Amino acid sequence: MATVPTSLANSIDASDTRAKLDAVAKKLIKHRIILAEILKECVEEFE
């Protein structure tokens, strides 16, 4: 019997994906070199 994904199941799957992406982004920002590049490109005061 095949299951049909509901909107709730899709929302839970999407939130899990977003949580994983958030965790990876936090790990990247912990590195000063990467954070410095982001700040240089996105914040006028750091140009």
Protein backbone atom coordinates (compact mmCIF):
# COMPACT_ATOMS: atom_id res chain seq x y z
CA MET A 1 0.00 0.00 0.00
CA ALA A 2 1.47 3.33 -1.06
CA THR A 3 1.31 6.34 1.20
CA VAL A 4 0.42 9.78 -0.02
CA PRO A 5 2.44 12.57 1.58
CA THR A 6 0.17 15.06 3.29
CA SER A 7 0.81 18.76 3.65
CA LEU A 8 1.72 18.14 7.31
CA ALA A 9 4.28 15.49 6.31
CA ASN A 10 5.71 17.85 3.69
CA SER A 11 5.94 20.67 6.26
CA ILE A 12 7.76 18.45 8.74
CA ASP A 13 10.19 17.32 6.03
CA ALA A 14 10.82 20.92 4.96
CA SER A 15 11.41 22.07 8.54
CA ASP A 16 13.90 19.23 9.04
CA THR A 17 15.75 20.34 5.90
CA ARG A 18 15.78 23.97 7.09
CA ALA A 19 17.10 22.89 10.50
CA LYS A 20 19.95 20.98 8.83
CA LEU A 21 20.82 23.96 6.62
CA ASP A 22 20.73 26.25 9.65
CA ALA A 23 23.14 24.00 11.54
CA VAL A 24 25.58 23.94 8.61
CA ALA A 25 25.38 27.73 8.23
CA LYS A 26 26.16 28.20 11.92
CA LYS A 27 29.21 25.94 11.60
CA LEU A 28 30.45 27.99 8.63
CA ILE A 29 29.97 31.34 10.35
CA LYS A 30 32.05 30.14 13.31
CA HIS A 31 35.10 30.37 11.04
CA ARG A 32 36.42 33.94 11.20
CA ILE A 33 37.70 33.95 7.62
CA ILE A 34 34.30 33.02 6.23
CA LEU A 35 32.51 35.48 8.51
CA ALA A 36 34.91 38.24 7.45
CA GLU A 37 34.17 37.61 3.76
CA ILE A 38 30.43 37.69 4.39
CA LEU A 39 30.73 40.95 6.32
CA LYS A 40 32.94 42.54 3.65
CA GLU A 41 30.41 41.74 0.94
CA CYS A 42 27.20 42.52 2.84
CA VAL A 43 27.92 45.30 5.35
CA GLU A 44 29.08 48.73 4.22
CA GLU A 45 31.04 49.41 7.41
CA PHE A 46 33.33 46.42 6.73
CA GLU A 47 34.31 47.28 3.15
